[in-house]
Amino acid sequence: MGLDDKIKNEATEAQGKANEAAGSATGNERLESEGKADQDEAHVKEAGRNVKEAADNVKDTFKS
């Protein structure tokens, strides 16, 4: 997990924001909900990536 995952997460979040805005502007509740869900998914994945990165850093600290 690295930069590629971070970029994918940011793209998912951006798409979610766009869908939410489009849904809100057009009164399409389904699209708005899907946009919010995409954003939530991106946040969860990014949090997981951060935890894994922190664990790897701790592991590397003890190797030295």
N, C-alpha and C. Protein backbone atom coordinates (compact mmCIF):
# COMPACT_ATOMS: atom_id res chain seq x y z
N MET A 1 0.85 -1.17 0.00
CA MET A 1 0.00 0.00 0.00
C MET A 1 0.89 1.23 0.00
N GLY A 2 0.58 2.11 -0.89
CA GLY A 2 1.41 3.29 -0.94
C GLY A 2 0.71 4.41 -1.66
N LEU A 3 1.49 5.07 -2.47
CA LEU A 3 1.00 6.24 -3.18
C LEU A 3 -0.14 5.88 -4.12
N ASP A 4 -0.07 4.73 -4.77
CA ASP A 4 -1.14 4.30 -5.67
C ASP A 4 -2.48 4.22 -4.94
N ASP A 5 -2.48 3.63 -3.76
CA ASP A 5 -3.71 3.51 -2.98
C ASP A 5 -4.22 4.87 -2.54
N LYS A 6 -3.30 5.74 -2.16
CA LYS A 6 -3.70 7.09 -1.74
C LYS A 6 -4.37 7.82 -2.90
N ILE A 7 -3.83 7.70 -4.08
CA ILE A 7 -4.40 8.35 -5.25
C ILE A 7 -5.77 7.77 -5.57
N LYS A 8 -5.90 6.45 -5.49
CA LYS A 8 -7.19 5.81 -5.73
C LYS A 8 -8.23 6.27 -4.72
N ASN A 9 -7.84 6.36 -3.46
CA ASN A 9 -8.75 6.81 -2.41
C ASN A 9 -9.20 8.26 -2.65
N GLU A 10 -8.25 9.10 -3.05
CA GLU A 10 -8.59 10.50 -3.31
C GLU A 10 -9.52 10.60 -4.53
N ALA A 11 -9.29 9.77 -5.54
CA ALA A 11 -10.16 9.78 -6.72
C ALA A 11 -11.57 9.31 -6.35
N THR A 12 -11.67 8.28 -5.53
CA THR A 12 -12.98 7.79 -5.09
C THR A 12 -13.70 8.86 -4.29
N GLU A 13 -12.97 9.56 -3.43
CA GLU A 13 -13.58 10.61 -2.63
C GLU A 13 -14.07 11.76 -3.53
N ALA A 14 -13.25 12.14 -4.51
CA ALA A 14 -13.63 13.22 -5.42
C ALA A 14 -14.86 12.84 -6.23
N GLN A 15 -14.90 11.60 -6.70
CA GLN A 15 -16.06 11.13 -7.45
C GLN A 15 -17.31 11.14 -6.56
N GLY A 16 -17.13 10.73 -5.33
CA GLY A 16 -18.24 10.74 -4.38
C GLY A 16 -18.77 12.14 -4.14
N LYS A 17 -17.85 13.10 -4.00
CA LYS A 17 -18.28 14.49 -3.80
C LYS A 17 -19.04 15.00 -5.02
N ALA A 18 -18.55 14.64 -6.21
CA ALA A 18 -19.23 15.06 -7.43
C ALA A 18 -20.62 14.45 -7.52
N ASN A 19 -20.73 13.17 -7.21
CA ASN A 19 -22.03 12.50 -7.25
C ASN A 19 -22.99 13.09 -6.22
N GLU A 20 -22.48 13.35 -5.04
CA GLU A 20 -23.31 13.94 -4.00
C GLU A 20 -23.83 15.31 -4.44
N ALA A 21 -22.94 16.13 -5.00
CA ALA A 21 -23.33 17.46 -5.45
C ALA A 21 -24.34 17.38 -6.59
N ALA A 22 -24.09 16.48 -7.53
CA ALA A 22 -25.01 16.33 -8.66
C ALA A 22 -26.37 15.83 -8.16
N GLY A 23 -26.37 14.89 -7.26
CA GLY A 23 -27.61 14.38 -6.71
C GLY A 23 -28.38 15.45 -5.95
N SER A 24 -27.65 16.24 -5.20
CA SER A 24 -28.27 17.32 -4.44
C SER A 24 -28.86 18.38 -5.38
N ALA A 25 -28.13 18.71 -6.42
CA ALA A 25 -28.57 19.75 -7.36
C ALA A 25 -29.79 19.32 -8.16
N THR A 26 -29.88 18.02 -8.44
CA THR A 26 -30.98 17.54 -9.27
C THR A 26 -32.11 16.92 -8.46
N GLY A 27 -31.93 16.83 -7.15
CA GLY A 27 -32.95 16.22 -6.30
C GLY A 27 -32.95 14.70 -6.38
N ASN A 28 -31.86 14.13 -6.87
CA ASN A 28 -31.73 12.67 -6.99
C ASN A 28 -31.13 12.13 -5.70
N GLU A 29 -31.99 11.66 -4.82
CA GLU A 29 -31.53 11.19 -3.51
C GLU A 29 -30.63 9.96 -3.61
N ARG A 30 -30.90 9.09 -4.58
CA ARG A 30 -30.08 7.88 -4.75
C ARG A 30 -28.65 8.25 -5.11
N LEU A 31 -28.49 9.17 -6.06
CA LEU A 31 -27.16 9.60 -6.47
C LEU A 31 -26.44 10.31 -5.33
N GLU A 32 -27.17 11.12 -4.60
CA GLU A 32 -26.59 11.82 -3.45
C GLU A 32 -26.11 10.82 -2.40
N SER A 33 -26.91 9.80 -2.13
CA SER A 33 -26.55 8.77 -1.14
C SER A 33 -25.34 7.96 -1.61
N GLU A 34 -25.32 7.63 -2.90
CA GLU A 34 -24.18 6.89 -3.43
C GLU A 34 -22.90 7.71 -3.32
N GLY A 35 -23.02 9.01 -3.55
CA GLY A 35 -21.85 9.89 -3.41
C GLY A 35 -21.32 9.92 -1.99
N LYS A 36 -22.24 10.00 -1.04
CA LYS A 36 -21.82 9.98 0.37
C LYS A 36 -21.18 8.64 0.73
N ALA A 37 -21.75 7.55 0.20
CA ALA A 37 -21.20 6.22 0.48
C ALA A 37 -19.80 6.08 -0.11
N ASP A 38 -19.59 6.60 -1.32
CA ASP A 38 -18.26 6.56 -1.93
C ASP A 38 -17.24 7.32 -1.09
N GLN A 39 -17.65 8.47 -0.57
CA GLN A 39 -16.76 9.25 0.28
C GLN A 39 -16.42 8.50 1.56
N ASP A 40 -17.43 7.90 2.16
CA ASP A 40 -17.20 7.12 3.39
C ASP A 40 -16.24 5.96 3.12
N GLU A 41 -16.45 5.27 2.00
CA GLU A 41 -15.58 4.15 1.62
C GLU A 41 -14.14 4.63 1.47
N ALA A 42 -13.95 5.75 0.81
CA ALA A 42 -12.60 6.30 0.61
C ALA A 42 -11.96 6.65 1.94
N HIS A 43 -12.74 7.21 2.86
CA HIS A 43 -12.19 7.57 4.18
C HIS A 43 -11.77 6.33 4.97
N VAL A 44 -12.57 5.29 4.90
CA VAL A 44 -12.24 4.05 5.62
C VAL A 44 -10.98 3.43 5.03
N LYS A 45 -10.89 3.37 3.71
CA LYS A 45 -9.71 2.79 3.08
C LYS A 45 -8.45 3.61 3.39
N GLU A 46 -8.59 4.93 3.41
CA GLU A 46 -7.44 5.78 3.71
C GLU A 46 -7.01 5.59 5.16
N ALA A 47 -7.96 5.45 6.06
CA ALA A 47 -7.62 5.20 7.47
C ALA A 47 -6.88 3.87 7.60
N GLY A 48 -7.34 2.85 6.90
CA GLY A 48 -6.67 1.55 6.92
C GLY A 48 -5.26 1.65 6.38
N ARG A 49 -5.09 2.42 5.31
CA ARG A 49 -3.76 2.61 4.72
C ARG A 49 -2.84 3.31 5.71
N ASN A 50 -3.38 4.30 6.43
CA ASN A 50 -2.58 5.02 7.43
C ASN A 50 -2.17 4.11 8.58
N VAL A 51 -3.07 3.24 9.02
CA VAL A 51 -2.75 2.31 10.11
C VAL A 51 -1.66 1.35 9.67
N LYS A 52 -1.79 0.81 8.45
CA LYS A 52 -0.78 -0.13 7.95
C LYS A 52 0.58 0.56 7.81
N GLU A 53 0.57 1.79 7.33
CA GLU A 53 1.81 2.54 7.18
C GLU A 53 2.46 2.79 8.54
N ALA A 54 1.65 3.14 9.53
CA ALA A 54 2.18 3.36 10.89
C ALA A 54 2.75 2.08 11.46
N ALA A 55 2.07 0.96 11.24
CA ALA A 55 2.56 -0.33 11.74
C ALA A 55 3.88 -0.69 11.07
N ASP A 56 3.99 -0.43 9.78
CA ASP A 56 5.25 -0.69 9.08
C ASP A 56 6.37 0.17 9.63
N ASN A 57 6.06 1.43 9.96
CA ASN A 57 7.07 2.32 10.53
C ASN A 57 7.54 1.83 11.89
N VAL A 58 6.63 1.34 12.70
CA VAL A 58 6.99 0.80 14.02
C VAL A 58 7.86 -0.44 13.84
N LYS A 59 7.45 -1.30 12.92
CA LYS A 59 8.21 -2.52 12.66
C LYS A 59 9.64 -2.16 12.21
N ASP A 60 9.75 -1.18 11.32
CA ASP A 60 11.07 -0.76 10.83
C ASP A 60 11.91 -0.17 11.95
N THR A 61 11.28 0.51 12.90
CA THR A 61 12.01 1.09 14.03
C THR A 61 12.67 0.01 14.88
N PHE A 62 11.97 -1.10 15.09
CA PHE A 62 12.51 -2.16 15.91
C PHE A 62 13.54 -3.02 15.17
N LYS A 63 13.57 -2.94 13.85
CA LYS A 63 14.57 -3.68 13.07
C LYS A 63 15.94 -3.05 13.22
N SER A 64 15.98 -1.75 13.43
CA SER A 64 17.26 -1.02 13.48
C SER A 64 18.04 -1.32 14.71
